[in-house]
Amino acid sequence: MYPVSEAFLRAVQENTRRYYWTGRITTKGGAVYPFGYEDIVKGSGEIRKK
């Protein structure tokens, strides 16, 4: 193990990860609905209809 500072140990515990979802939904009828990060309510994983 490498010695690290207390500041480093605190920093790695913070919620600093960023990610986003993109994709598309295709219906049986062939309609395509693309979506991106702006269509998803933060923290919910829900997709809002445009």
Protein backbone atom coordinates (compact mmCIF):
# COMPACT_ATOMS: atom_id res chain seq x y z
CA MET A 1 0.00 0.00 0.00
CA TYR A 2 1.09 3.52 -0.70
CA PRO A 3 0.80 6.22 1.96
CA VAL A 4 -1.87 8.80 1.01
CA SER A 5 -3.13 11.98 2.66
CA GLU A 6 -6.36 12.37 4.56
CA ALA A 7 -7.47 14.86 1.89
CA PHE A 8 -7.08 12.18 -0.78
CA LEU A 9 -9.03 9.66 1.28
CA ARG A 10 -11.89 12.17 1.71
CA ALA A 11 -11.85 13.09 -2.00
CA VAL A 12 -12.23 9.50 -3.19
CA GLN A 13 -15.34 9.12 -1.02
CA GLU A 14 -17.13 12.06 -2.68
CA ASN A 15 -19.77 11.53 -5.35
CA THR A 16 -17.83 12.79 -8.37
CA ARG A 17 -18.74 10.24 -11.03
CA ARG A 18 -20.56 11.50 -14.10
CA TYR A 19 -22.33 9.32 -16.59
CA TYR A 20 -25.18 9.55 -19.04
CA TRP A 21 -27.51 7.30 -20.97
CA THR A 22 -28.35 7.46 -24.63
CA GLY A 23 -30.28 5.11 -26.81
CA ARG A 24 -33.43 4.59 -28.75
CA ILE A 25 -36.70 2.80 -28.34
CA THR A 26 -38.13 1.09 -31.40
CA THR A 27 -41.78 0.05 -31.36
CA LYS A 28 -43.23 -3.01 -33.05
CA GLY A 29 -44.65 -0.64 -35.66
CA GLY A 30 -41.16 0.62 -36.51
CA ALA A 31 -41.36 4.04 -34.84
CA VAL A 32 -38.01 5.08 -33.38
CA TYR A 33 -37.71 7.30 -30.31
CA PRO A 34 -34.13 8.39 -29.60
CA PHE A 35 -33.27 9.68 -26.13
CA GLY A 36 -30.32 11.27 -24.39
CA TYR A 37 -29.26 12.52 -20.99
CA GLU A 38 -31.51 15.58 -21.24
CA ASP A 39 -34.59 13.30 -21.39
CA ILE A 40 -33.84 11.53 -18.10
CA VAL A 41 -34.82 12.98 -14.73
CA LYS A 42 -31.72 13.17 -12.55
CA GLY A 43 -31.42 10.20 -10.22
CA SER A 44 -34.52 8.45 -11.50
CA GLY A 45 -33.61 6.61 -14.68
CA GLU A 46 -36.99 7.66 -16.05
CA ILE A 47 -37.39 8.74 -19.68
CA ARG A 48 -39.58 11.77 -20.37
CA LYS A 49 -41.66 11.89 -23.51
CA LYS A 50 -40.80 14.78 -25.86
